[in-house]
Amino acid sequence: MAAQRRWHTIIPRDQLSNPPEGIPVTWLKPRKKLSKIYVHPPPRSMPKKCPDPVGVVTASQLATLDSSGARARLFDKENTEGVRVGDVLHVRMREGEPVSGVCLNIRRRGVETAILLRNQLTRVGVEVWVKVFSPLVQSVEIVQRRVRRARRARLYYMRQPKHDMGSVEGLVRTYLRQRAVLGSGGKGAAEMLGKKGKGKGKKK
């Protein structure tokens, strides 16, 4: 025969004024009062304190790297005299040799603004990305502007031999020579003319 099951009734002690007969009762201790749970206040709302944290950091970095704001205006879209794709640029570095080439692309991303320059070295096309606001960049000069405004934002078609501009070293040398003459106040031009006159006299 199967053993009889014994049912135990669990009743709190404060409710056992008249316990039922014939049913074993399990006595319980009175429950303790629960301690209060401390609820921490919610954190401060960052959007209210600083709605645009990335913009604030970018502005502070630009104020440090470009205090005068001249370089930012040079690459501003709304500036009609700024740099455009298709222009020949000459970038002077604080360390190392300068970089020059045709601007194929301008990537405007705040402090990470960069330009893609293309040139030819020993008849081999070479491209380099230059970060405009880098501390290593001393100056960015426009050697020659594009005759017509480009209809594209990226002039990657100039990589093809049909549209390749070739080496820009000749344009850069002419630009630097003219700049040196203008910077010397015309003395350099007079000396060059004098040397040419003397040479002609000797040949005669």
Protein backbone atom coordinates (compact mmCIF):
# COMPACT_ATOMS: atom_id res chain seq x y z
CA MET A 1 0.00 0.00 0.00
CA ALA A 2 1.13 3.39 -0.76
CA ALA A 3 2.16 5.45 2.17
CA GLN A 4 -0.27 8.12 3.19
CA ARG A 5 0.77 11.62 2.39
CA ARG A 6 0.89 14.01 5.27
CA TRP A 7 -0.03 17.55 4.42
CA HIS A 8 1.55 20.32 6.43
CA THR A 9 -0.18 23.64 6.60
CA ILE A 10 2.11 26.65 6.94
CA ILE A 11 0.34 29.34 8.92
CA PRO A 12 1.94 32.35 10.57
CA ARG A 13 1.96 32.30 14.36
CA ASP A 14 -0.02 35.50 14.72
CA GLN A 15 -2.91 33.90 12.78
CA LEU A 16 -3.03 30.66 14.79
CA SER A 17 -5.64 31.54 17.36
CA ASN A 18 -7.56 28.31 16.70
CA PRO A 19 -5.40 25.79 14.80
CA PRO A 20 -7.31 23.07 12.88
CA GLU A 21 -7.49 19.60 14.43
CA GLY A 22 -5.86 16.57 12.88
CA ILE A 23 -3.58 18.61 10.62
CA PRO A 24 0.02 19.14 11.66
CA VAL A 25 0.94 22.79 11.69
CA THR A 26 4.38 24.26 10.98
CA TRP A 27 5.04 27.22 13.21
CA LEU A 28 6.73 30.24 11.71
CA LYS A 29 8.53 33.12 13.29
CA PRO A 30 7.10 36.58 12.76
CA ARG A 31 8.55 38.32 9.73
CA LYS A 32 11.15 40.99 10.22
CA LYS A 33 10.62 44.44 8.82
CA LEU A 34 12.49 45.01 5.58
CA SER A 35 15.13 47.70 5.58
CA LYS A 36 14.65 50.61 3.25
CA ILE A 37 16.47 50.44 -0.09
CA TYR A 38 18.40 53.59 -0.92
CA VAL A 39 17.58 54.81 -4.42
CA HIS A 40 20.38 56.84 -6.00
CA PRO A 41 19.39 59.99 -7.87
CA PRO A 42 19.65 59.83 -11.67
CA PRO A 43 22.90 61.13 -13.23
CA ARG A 44 23.11 64.58 -14.68
CA SER A 45 21.79 64.93 -18.19
CA MET A 46 24.75 65.44 -20.52
CA PRO A 47 22.67 66.77 -23.45
CA LYS A 48 21.44 69.60 -21.22
CA LYS A 49 24.90 70.38 -19.87
CA CYS A 50 26.71 70.08 -23.24
CA PRO A 51 24.43 69.61 -26.27
CA ASP A 52 27.32 69.20 -28.77
CA PRO A 53 30.46 67.84 -27.06
CA VAL A 54 32.17 66.97 -30.37
CA GLY A 55 31.69 70.52 -31.63
CA VAL A 56 33.13 71.98 -28.43
CA VAL A 57 36.25 69.78 -28.66
CA THR A 58 36.67 70.58 -32.37
CA ALA A 59 36.40 74.32 -31.72
CA SER A 60 39.00 74.16 -28.95
CA GLN A 61 41.42 72.21 -31.16
CA LEU A 62 40.94 74.64 -34.06
CA ALA A 63 41.60 77.56 -31.72
CA THR A 64 44.89 75.92 -30.77
CA LEU A 65 46.03 74.77 -34.22
CA ASP A 66 44.66 77.70 -36.25
CA SER A 67 44.39 80.68 -33.92
CA SER A 68 44.04 83.26 -36.72
CA GLY A 69 41.46 81.22 -38.65
CA ALA A 70 43.18 81.93 -41.99
CA ARG A 71 43.57 78.26 -42.89
CA ALA A 72 39.94 77.51 -42.03
CA ARG A 73 38.80 80.35 -44.31
CA LEU A 74 41.09 79.07 -47.08
CA PHE A 75 39.21 75.75 -47.17
CA ASP A 76 35.74 77.15 -46.53
CA LYS A 77 33.12 76.26 -49.16
CA GLU A 78 31.54 79.72 -49.02
CA ASN A 79 34.85 81.49 -49.63
CA THR A 80 35.08 82.31 -53.33
CA GLU A 81 38.85 82.81 -53.10
CA GLY A 82 39.47 79.56 -51.24
CA VAL A 83 41.01 76.34 -52.46
CA ARG A 84 39.03 74.36 -55.04
CA VAL A 85 39.62 70.96 -56.59
CA GLY A 86 41.79 71.28 -59.69
CA ASP A 87 44.06 73.98 -58.22
CA VAL A 88 47.81 73.47 -58.08
CA LEU A 89 48.94 73.76 -54.45
CA HIS A 90 52.32 74.08 -52.77
CA VAL A 91 52.50 72.90 -49.14
CA ARG A 92 55.48 73.88 -47.01
CA MET A 93 56.43 71.57 -44.14
CA ARG A 94 58.19 72.52 -40.91
CA GLU A 95 60.32 69.41 -41.27
CA GLY A 96 61.29 67.89 -44.59
CA GLU A 97 60.75 68.90 -48.19
CA PRO A 98 57.64 70.72 -49.42
CA VAL A 99 54.84 68.91 -51.25
CA SER A 100 53.15 70.18 -54.41
CA GLY A 101 50.57 68.82 -56.80
CA VAL A 102 47.08 69.09 -58.26
CA CYS A 103 44.28 68.97 -55.69
CA LEU A 104 42.05 66.01 -56.55
CA ASN A 105 39.91 65.92 -53.43
CA ILE A 106 39.16 68.01 -50.34
CA ARG A 107 37.91 66.07 -47.34
CA ARG A 108 36.33 68.57 -44.93
CA ARG A 109 36.03 66.99 -41.48
CA GLY A 110 36.85 69.70 -38.99
CA VAL A 111 40.30 69.20 -37.53
CA GLU A 112 40.80 66.16 -39.76
CA THR A 113 40.42 68.21 -42.96
CA ALA A 114 42.79 66.85 -45.60
CA ILE A 115 43.62 67.36 -49.28
CA LEU A 116 44.73 64.82 -51.88
CA LEU A 117 47.60 66.06 -54.08
CA ARG A 118 48.78 64.37 -57.26
CA ASN A 119 52.14 64.89 -58.98
CA GLN A 120 54.58 62.99 -61.15
CA LEU A 121 58.05 61.88 -60.10
CA THR A 122 60.22 60.34 -62.82
CA ARG A 123 57.07 59.97 -64.96
CA VAL A 124 55.31 57.99 -62.25
CA GLY A 125 52.08 59.30 -60.73
CA VAL A 126 52.31 59.90 -56.99
CA GLU A 127 49.48 60.89 -54.65
CA VAL A 128 49.65 61.98 -51.04
CA TRP A 129 47.09 63.02 -48.41
CA VAL A 130 48.03 66.14 -46.44
CA LYS A 131 46.21 67.12 -43.26
CA VAL A 132 45.63 70.84 -43.39
CA PHE A 133 45.60 71.55 -39.63
CA SER A 134 48.58 69.35 -38.82
CA PRO A 135 51.30 71.05 -36.72
CA LEU A 136 53.84 69.87 -39.30
CA VAL A 137 52.24 71.97 -42.06
CA GLN A 138 53.69 75.47 -42.18
CA SER A 139 51.68 77.00 -45.04
CA VAL A 140 49.43 76.12 -47.99
CA GLU A 141 49.86 78.27 -51.12
CA ILE A 142 47.85 78.34 -54.35
CA VAL A 143 50.27 78.18 -57.27
CA GLN A 144 47.73 78.15 -60.11
CA ARG A 145 43.95 78.15 -60.13
CA ARG A 146 41.82 76.02 -62.37
CA VAL A 147 40.56 77.93 -65.41
CA ARG A 148 37.04 76.55 -65.18
CA ARG A 149 35.26 75.44 -62.07
CA ALA A 150 35.15 71.66 -61.81
CA ARG A 151 31.74 70.06 -61.94
CA ARG A 152 32.85 67.21 -59.70
CA ALA A 153 33.90 67.15 -56.08
CA ARG A 154 36.58 64.52 -56.76
CA LEU A 155 38.74 64.67 -59.86
CA TYR A 156 39.77 61.03 -59.91
CA TYR A 157 39.45 60.94 -63.70
CA MET A 158 42.75 62.88 -63.82
CA ARG A 159 44.52 59.64 -62.98
CA GLN A 160 43.96 58.49 -66.55
CA PRO A 161 46.78 59.28 -69.02
CA LYS A 162 44.34 61.21 -71.20
CA HIS A 163 43.51 63.75 -68.46
CA ASP A 164 46.69 63.57 -66.37
CA MET A 165 48.22 67.01 -65.86
CA GLY A 166 51.72 65.60 -65.45
CA SER A 167 54.45 67.12 -63.33
CA VAL A 168 53.83 70.52 -61.77
CA GLU A 169 57.44 71.22 -60.84
CA GLY A 170 57.78 73.78 -63.63
CA LEU A 171 54.75 75.73 -62.43
CA VAL A 172 56.01 75.66 -58.85
CA ARG A 173 59.48 76.91 -59.84
CA THR A 174 57.98 79.80 -61.82
CA TYR A 175 55.70 80.69 -58.91
CA LEU A 176 58.53 80.66 -56.38
CA ARG A 177 60.76 82.72 -58.68
CA GLN A 178 58.06 85.37 -59.16
CA ARG A 179 57.36 85.43 -55.46
CA ALA A 180 61.05 85.92 -54.65
CA VAL A 181 61.25 88.81 -57.14
CA LEU A 182 58.16 90.50 -55.69
CA GLY A 183 59.41 89.95 -52.14
CA SER A 184 62.73 91.61 -52.88
CA GLY A 185 60.97 94.80 -54.03
CA GLY A 186 62.10 94.59 -57.66
CA LYS A 187 65.82 94.39 -56.89
CA GLY A 188 65.97 90.80 -57.99
CA ALA A 189 64.37 91.65 -61.34
CA ALA A 190 66.85 94.51 -61.93
CA GLU A 191 69.78 92.22 -61.13
CA MET A 192 68.47 89.56 -63.49
CA LEU A 193 68.08 92.12 -66.28
CA GLY A 194 71.59 93.47 -65.62
CA LYS A 195 73.10 90.00 -65.81
CA LYS A 196 71.31 89.31 -69.09
CA GLY A 197 72.58 92.63 -70.54
CA LYS A 198 76.16 91.87 -69.53
CA GLY A 199 75.98 88.44 -71.05
CA LYS A 200 74.76 89.80 -74.36
CA GLY A 201 77.57 92.39 -74.41
CA LYS A 202 80.22 89.74 -73.88
CA LYS A 203 78.87 87.61 -76.70
CA LYS A 204 79.14 90.56 -79.09
